[in-house]
Amino acid sequence: MTPKPLTDYPAGSTVTVSEICGGCKARSRMLALGLTPGCPVEILSDGGGPKRIRVRGCEVVMGHGECEKILALDGERGCPICKCVSASG
C-alpha cells in the first residue's frame, strides 16, 4: 500500500500518518501538533481548501499545502507512542 497525502482523503476517513515531508520548519510544526508517524488522524471536513482534522483528541485546521506534506495510509492502526487509539480500533 502506497502512502498518499492527506489531501487525497475525503471527510470521514481515518488514516494513519506514514511520513512527513517538507523542510525543518514544516516538520517541526506538524510534529508539535502531534502528527507523528503511526498516529491516527480523522478527516473531519474537506472543503477543497483547509482541512479540519482530529489528531490525539484535538481538532486542528490545516491548509492545503500543509496537508500535502503529510503522507498517510488508509485505516487506523493505533498510536505506538501515546496509545490514543488502541491497535484493535
N, C-alpha and C. Protein backbone atom coordinates (compact mmCIF):
# COMPACT_ATOMS: atom_id res chain seq x y z
N MET A 1 0.85 -1.18 0.00
CA MET A 1 0.00 0.00 0.00
C MET A 1 0.90 1.24 0.00
N THR A 2 0.61 2.16 -0.88
CA THR A 2 1.41 3.36 -1.02
C THR A 2 0.78 4.52 -0.24
N PRO A 3 1.58 5.21 0.58
CA PRO A 3 1.03 6.37 1.30
C PRO A 3 0.62 7.48 0.34
N LYS A 4 -0.48 8.17 0.70
CA LYS A 4 -0.97 9.30 -0.09
C LYS A 4 -1.05 10.52 0.81
N PRO A 5 -1.01 11.73 0.23
CA PRO A 5 -1.16 12.93 1.05
C PRO A 5 -2.56 13.04 1.64
N LEU A 6 -2.68 13.74 2.76
CA LEU A 6 -3.99 13.93 3.39
C LEU A 6 -5.00 14.56 2.45
N THR A 7 -4.53 15.34 1.48
CA THR A 7 -5.44 15.99 0.54
C THR A 7 -6.21 14.98 -0.31
N ASP A 8 -5.73 13.74 -0.40
CA ASP A 8 -6.39 12.71 -1.21
C ASP A 8 -7.52 12.00 -0.48
N TYR A 9 -7.68 12.25 0.82
CA TYR A 9 -8.69 11.54 1.61
C TYR A 9 -9.91 12.42 1.86
N PRO A 10 -11.12 11.85 1.71
CA PRO A 10 -12.34 12.63 1.93
C PRO A 10 -12.71 12.73 3.41
N ALA A 11 -13.63 13.62 3.72
CA ALA A 11 -14.15 13.74 5.09
C ALA A 11 -14.72 12.40 5.52
N GLY A 12 -14.52 12.06 6.79
CA GLY A 12 -14.99 10.80 7.32
C GLY A 12 -13.93 9.71 7.32
N SER A 13 -12.83 9.94 6.63
CA SER A 13 -11.75 8.94 6.59
C SER A 13 -10.94 8.98 7.88
N THR A 14 -10.46 7.81 8.28
CA THR A 14 -9.48 7.72 9.35
C THR A 14 -8.25 7.08 8.75
N VAL A 15 -7.14 7.76 8.86
CA VAL A 15 -5.88 7.32 8.25
C VAL A 15 -4.78 7.29 9.30
N THR A 16 -3.67 6.68 8.94
CA THR A 16 -2.51 6.63 9.83
C THR A 16 -1.36 7.37 9.18
N VAL A 17 -0.77 8.30 9.92
CA VAL A 17 0.37 9.07 9.40
C VAL A 17 1.52 8.10 9.11
N SER A 18 2.05 8.21 7.91
CA SER A 18 3.15 7.35 7.49
C SER A 18 4.47 8.12 7.49
N GLU A 19 4.41 9.35 6.98
CA GLU A 19 5.63 10.13 6.80
C GLU A 19 5.28 11.61 6.71
N ILE A 20 6.20 12.46 7.12
CA ILE A 20 6.02 13.90 6.99
C ILE A 20 7.13 14.41 6.08
N CYS A 21 6.73 15.02 4.97
CA CYS A 21 7.68 15.56 4.01
C CYS A 21 7.78 17.06 4.25
N GLY A 22 8.80 17.68 3.72
CA GLY A 22 8.94 19.12 3.85
C GLY A 22 10.20 19.51 4.59
N GLY A 23 10.39 20.79 4.74
CA GLY A 23 11.56 21.33 5.41
C GLY A 23 11.47 21.23 6.92
N CYS A 24 12.51 21.71 7.57
CA CYS A 24 12.61 21.62 9.03
C CYS A 24 11.46 22.33 9.74
N LYS A 25 11.11 23.53 9.28
CA LYS A 25 10.04 24.29 9.94
C LYS A 25 8.69 23.58 9.81
N ALA A 26 8.38 23.09 8.61
CA ALA A 26 7.11 22.41 8.39
C ALA A 26 7.04 21.13 9.23
N ARG A 27 8.11 20.36 9.21
CA ARG A 27 8.14 19.12 10.01
C ARG A 27 8.02 19.42 11.49
N SER A 28 8.72 20.43 11.97
CA SER A 28 8.66 20.79 13.39
C SER A 28 7.25 21.18 13.80
N ARG A 29 6.57 21.96 12.96
CA ARG A 29 5.20 22.38 13.27
C ARG A 29 4.28 21.17 13.35
N MET A 30 4.37 20.30 12.38
CA MET A 30 3.49 19.14 12.36
C MET A 30 3.76 18.18 13.51
N LEU A 31 5.02 18.00 13.84
CA LEU A 31 5.37 17.15 14.98
C LEU A 31 4.86 17.77 16.28
N ALA A 32 4.95 19.09 16.39
CA ALA A 32 4.47 19.78 17.59
C ALA A 32 2.94 19.66 17.72
N LEU A 33 2.24 19.53 16.61
CA LEU A 33 0.79 19.36 16.63
C LEU A 33 0.40 17.91 16.95
N GLY A 34 1.38 17.03 17.03
CA GLY A 34 1.10 15.63 17.34
C GLY A 34 0.99 14.73 16.14
N LEU A 35 1.29 15.25 14.97
CA LEU A 35 1.23 14.45 13.75
C LEU A 35 2.53 13.68 13.59
N THR A 36 2.62 12.56 14.26
CA THR A 36 3.82 11.74 14.22
C THR A 36 3.53 10.45 13.46
N PRO A 37 4.54 9.86 12.83
CA PRO A 37 4.32 8.60 12.12
C PRO A 37 3.71 7.54 13.04
N GLY A 38 2.67 6.87 12.53
CA GLY A 38 1.97 5.85 13.29
C GLY A 38 0.73 6.34 13.98
N CYS A 39 0.54 7.65 14.05
CA CYS A 39 -0.60 8.22 14.76
C CYS A 39 -1.82 8.29 13.84
N PRO A 40 -3.00 7.90 14.34
CA PRO A 40 -4.21 8.01 13.52
C PRO A 40 -4.71 9.44 13.42
N VAL A 41 -5.28 9.77 12.27
CA VAL A 41 -5.84 11.09 12.01
C VAL A 41 -7.22 10.89 11.39
N GLU A 42 -8.21 11.59 11.92
CA GLU A 42 -9.57 11.54 11.36
C GLU A 42 -9.79 12.82 10.58
N ILE A 43 -10.23 12.69 9.33
CA ILE A 43 -10.54 13.83 8.49
C ILE A 43 -11.97 14.24 8.81
N LEU A 44 -12.16 15.41 9.40
CA LEU A 44 -13.49 15.86 9.82
C LEU A 44 -14.23 16.62 8.74
N SER A 45 -13.52 17.49 8.01
CA SER A 45 -14.16 18.22 6.92
C SER A 45 -13.14 18.50 5.83
N ASP A 46 -13.67 18.56 4.62
CA ASP A 46 -12.82 18.75 3.45
C ASP A 46 -13.57 19.64 2.48
N GLY A 47 -13.17 20.90 2.44
CA GLY A 47 -13.85 21.83 1.55
C GLY A 47 -13.03 22.18 0.33
N GLY A 48 -12.00 21.42 0.03
CA GLY A 48 -11.14 21.72 -1.10
C GLY A 48 -9.98 22.63 -0.73
N GLY A 49 -10.11 23.38 0.33
CA GLY A 49 -9.03 24.23 0.84
C GLY A 49 -8.51 23.65 2.13
N PRO A 50 -8.64 24.38 3.23
CA PRO A 50 -8.19 23.85 4.52
C PRO A 50 -9.00 22.62 4.94
N LYS A 51 -8.34 21.72 5.64
CA LYS A 51 -9.00 20.54 6.18
C LYS A 51 -9.05 20.66 7.69
N ARG A 52 -10.16 20.19 8.25
CA ARG A 52 -10.27 20.10 9.70
C ARG A 52 -10.06 18.65 10.04
N ILE A 53 -9.07 18.38 10.92
CA ILE A 53 -8.72 17.02 11.28
C ILE A 53 -8.74 16.85 12.79
N ARG A 54 -8.82 15.61 13.23
CA ARG A 54 -8.70 15.31 14.66
C ARG A 54 -7.47 14.43 14.82
N VAL A 55 -6.57 14.89 15.68
CA VAL A 55 -5.36 14.14 15.97
C VAL A 55 -5.15 14.16 17.49
N ARG A 56 -4.96 13.00 18.09
CA ARG A 56 -4.76 12.87 19.53
C ARG A 56 -5.85 13.56 20.34
N GLY A 57 -7.10 13.49 19.84
CA GLY A 57 -8.24 14.06 20.55
C GLY A 57 -8.45 15.55 20.36
N CYS A 58 -7.61 16.21 19.58
CA CYS A 58 -7.73 17.65 19.35
C CYS A 58 -8.07 17.92 17.88
N GLU A 59 -8.88 18.94 17.67
CA GLU A 59 -9.20 19.35 16.31
C GLU A 59 -8.21 20.42 15.85
N VAL A 60 -7.73 20.25 14.63
CA VAL A 60 -6.74 21.16 14.04
C VAL A 60 -7.20 21.48 12.62
N VAL A 61 -7.02 22.73 12.20
CA VAL A 61 -7.30 23.11 10.82
C VAL A 61 -5.96 23.35 10.14
N MET A 62 -5.77 22.67 9.01
CA MET A 62 -4.51 22.78 8.28
C MET A 62 -4.78 23.18 6.84
N GLY A 63 -3.91 24.01 6.31
CA GLY A 63 -4.02 24.44 4.92
C GLY A 63 -3.71 23.31 3.95
N HIS A 64 -4.12 23.52 2.71
CA HIS A 64 -3.94 22.52 1.66
C HIS A 64 -2.45 22.16 1.49
N GLY A 65 -1.59 23.16 1.51
CA GLY A 65 -0.16 22.92 1.33
C GLY A 65 0.44 22.07 2.44
N GLU A 66 -0.01 22.33 3.68
CA GLU A 66 0.47 21.52 4.81
C GLU A 66 -0.03 20.08 4.69
N CYS A 67 -1.29 19.93 4.31
CA CYS A 67 -1.86 18.59 4.18
C CYS A 67 -1.17 17.76 3.10
N GLU A 68 -0.67 18.42 2.08
CA GLU A 68 0.05 17.71 1.02
C GLU A 68 1.37 17.12 1.53
N LYS A 69 1.91 17.67 2.59
CA LYS A 69 3.19 17.21 3.13
C LYS A 69 3.06 16.04 4.10
N ILE A 70 1.81 15.71 4.47
CA ILE A 70 1.57 14.61 5.40
C ILE A 70 1.11 13.40 4.60
N LEU A 71 1.95 12.37 4.55
CA LEU A 71 1.59 11.15 3.83
C LEU A 71 0.97 10.17 4.82
N ALA A 72 -0.10 9.51 4.38
CA ALA A 72 -0.84 8.62 5.28
C ALA A 72 -1.32 7.38 4.53
N LEU A 73 -1.66 6.37 5.32
CA LEU A 73 -2.22 5.12 4.81
C LEU A 73 -3.65 4.99 5.29
N ASP A 74 -4.49 4.29 4.52
CA ASP A 74 -5.88 4.04 4.91
C ASP A 74 -5.93 3.26 6.21
N GLY A 75 -6.89 3.62 7.06
CA GLY A 75 -7.17 2.86 8.28
C GLY A 75 -6.35 3.31 9.46
N GLU A 76 -6.89 3.05 10.67
CA GLU A 76 -6.18 3.40 11.89
C GLU A 76 -5.51 2.15 12.43
N ARG A 77 -4.31 2.30 12.91
CA ARG A 77 -3.57 1.17 13.42
C ARG A 77 -3.22 1.33 14.90
N GLY A 78 -3.50 2.48 15.46
CA GLY A 78 -3.15 2.71 16.85
C GLY A 78 -1.83 3.44 16.95
N CYS A 79 -1.76 4.38 17.85
CA CYS A 79 -0.56 5.18 18.02
C CYS A 79 0.44 4.44 18.90
N PRO A 80 1.64 4.18 18.39
CA PRO A 80 2.61 3.44 19.18
C PRO A 80 3.22 4.26 20.32
N ILE A 81 3.04 5.58 20.29
CA ILE A 81 3.67 6.43 21.30
C ILE A 81 2.75 6.68 22.48
N CYS A 82 1.56 7.21 22.21
CA CYS A 82 0.67 7.60 23.33
C CYS A 82 -0.53 6.69 23.51
N LYS A 83 -0.70 5.72 22.62
CA LYS A 83 -1.82 4.78 22.69
C LYS A 83 -3.18 5.49 22.67
N CYS A 84 -3.28 6.63 21.93
CA CYS A 84 -4.52 7.40 21.88
C CYS A 84 -5.62 6.61 21.17
N VAL A 85 -5.29 5.65 20.36
CA VAL A 85 -6.26 4.75 19.75
C VAL A 85 -5.69 3.35 19.88
N SER A 86 -6.47 2.42 20.37
CA SER A 86 -5.96 1.07 20.56
C SER A 86 -5.72 0.42 19.20
N ALA A 87 -4.82 -0.52 19.15
CA ALA A 87 -4.48 -1.19 17.90
C ALA A 87 -5.66 -1.95 17.32
N SER A 88 -6.63 -2.32 18.14
CA SER A 88 -7.79 -3.06 17.65
C SER A 88 -8.89 -2.14 17.15
N GLY A 89 -8.74 -0.82 17.31
CA GLY A 89 -9.75 0.11 16.83
C GLY A 89 -10.55 0.56 17.96
